[in-house]
Amino acid sequence: MESRRYLVVLINGDYVQLTDIETGEPITIAMALLPEEIEEGGIVLYENFCYVYLG
């Protein structure tokens, strides 16, 4: 499976808005699926059905 990198655009309660760095496509993900340490402006890697915060 291909990995993707996302920019954390907005943390809004139980949801986080991400933007695919390569395509610019926005997605919204439940906070429960993401690492607790994420911050707005950070990068998240999606690979093998897991999200990893890169900073």
C-alpha atoms as a PDB file:
ATOM      1  CA  MET A   1       0.000   0.000   0.000  1.00  0.00           C
ATOM      2  CA  GLU A   2       1.183   3.480  -0.855  1.00  0.00           C
ATOM      3  CA  SER A   3       2.009   5.860   1.987  1.00  0.00           C
ATOM      4  CA  ARG A   4       0.674   9.414   2.111  1.00  0.00           C
ATOM      5  CA  ARG A   5       1.738  12.526   3.984  1.00  0.00           C
ATOM      6  CA  TYR A   6      -0.806  14.998   5.310  1.00  0.00           C
ATOM      7  CA  LEU A   7      -0.556  18.485   6.737  1.00  0.00           C
ATOM      8  CA  VAL A   8      -2.594  19.030   9.923  1.00  0.00           C
ATOM      9  CA  VAL A   9      -4.663  22.090   9.014  1.00  0.00           C
ATOM     10  CA  LEU A  10      -7.198  22.341  11.846  1.00  0.00           C
ATOM     11  CA  ILE A  11      -7.947  20.497  15.070  1.00  0.00           C
ATOM     12  CA  ASN A  12     -11.634  20.989  15.863  1.00  0.00           C
ATOM     13  CA  GLY A  13     -12.793  18.988  18.869  1.00  0.00           C
ATOM     14  CA  ASP A  14     -13.191  15.338  17.909  1.00  0.00           C
ATOM     15  CA  TYR A  15     -12.158  15.892  14.280  1.00  0.00           C
ATOM     16  CA  VAL A  16      -9.014  16.946  12.455  1.00  0.00           C
ATOM     17  CA  GLN A  17      -8.833  18.472   9.003  1.00  0.00           C
ATOM     18  CA  LEU A  18      -5.864  17.229   6.982  1.00  0.00           C
ATOM     19  CA  THR A  19      -4.605  18.146   3.526  1.00  0.00           C
ATOM     20  CA  ASP A  20      -2.741  15.676   1.317  1.00  0.00           C
ATOM     21  CA  ILE A  21       0.651  17.288   0.708  1.00  0.00           C
ATOM     22  CA  GLU A  22       0.986  15.941  -2.850  1.00  0.00           C
ATOM     23  CA  THR A  23      -2.541  16.428  -4.199  1.00  0.00           C
ATOM     24  CA  GLY A  24      -3.909  19.203  -1.962  1.00  0.00           C
ATOM     25  CA  GLU A  25      -7.026  17.112  -1.320  1.00  0.00           C
ATOM     26  CA  PRO A  26      -8.603  17.869   2.089  1.00  0.00           C
ATOM     27  CA  ILE A  27      -9.885  15.078   4.350  1.00  0.00           C
ATOM     28  CA  THR A  28     -11.452  15.020   7.800  1.00  0.00           C
ATOM     29  CA  ILE A  29     -10.431  12.305  10.269  1.00  0.00           C
ATOM     30  CA  ALA A  30     -11.709  11.453  13.737  1.00  0.00           C
ATOM     31  CA  MET A  31      -9.217  12.501  16.416  1.00  0.00           C
ATOM     32  CA  ALA A  32      -9.419   8.984  17.905  1.00  0.00           C
ATOM     33  CA  LEU A  33      -7.618   7.573  14.824  1.00  0.00           C
ATOM     34  CA  LEU A  34      -4.646   9.931  15.123  1.00  0.00           C
ATOM     35  CA  PRO A  35      -1.747  10.104  17.590  1.00  0.00           C
ATOM     36  CA  GLU A  36      -2.512  12.288  20.629  1.00  0.00           C
ATOM     37  CA  GLU A  37       0.566  14.488  20.155  1.00  0.00           C
ATOM     38  CA  ILE A  38      -0.512  16.004  16.807  1.00  0.00           C
ATOM     39  CA  GLU A  39      -0.479  19.785  16.445  1.00  0.00           C
ATOM     40  CA  GLU A  40      -1.759  22.164  13.783  1.00  0.00           C
ATOM     41  CA  GLY A  41       0.909  22.701  11.139  1.00  0.00           C
ATOM     42  CA  GLY A  42       2.454  19.256  11.739  1.00  0.00           C
ATOM     43  CA  ILE A  43       2.858  16.383   9.303  1.00  0.00           C
ATOM     44  CA  VAL A  44       1.101  13.012   9.602  1.00  0.00           C
ATOM     45  CA  LEU A  45       2.193   9.905   7.689  1.00  0.00           C
ATOM     46  CA  TYR A  46      -0.477   7.362   6.717  1.00  0.00           C
ATOM     47  CA  GLU A  47       0.975   3.938   6.029  1.00  0.00           C
ATOM     48  CA  ASN A  48      -0.305   0.372   6.520  1.00  0.00           C
ATOM     49  CA  PHE A  49      -3.632   1.646   7.894  1.00  0.00           C
ATOM     50  CA  CYS A  50      -1.867   3.640  10.656  1.00  0.00           C
ATOM     51  CA  TYR A  51      -1.247   7.331  11.196  1.00  0.00           C
ATOM     52  CA  VAL A  52       2.149   8.385  12.578  1.00  0.00           C
ATOM     53  CA  TYR A  53       2.930  11.954  13.647  1.00  0.00           C
ATOM     54  CA  LEU A  54       6.183  13.182  12.085  1.00  0.00           C
ATOM     55  CA  GLY A  55       6.193  16.620  13.665  1.00  0.00           C
END
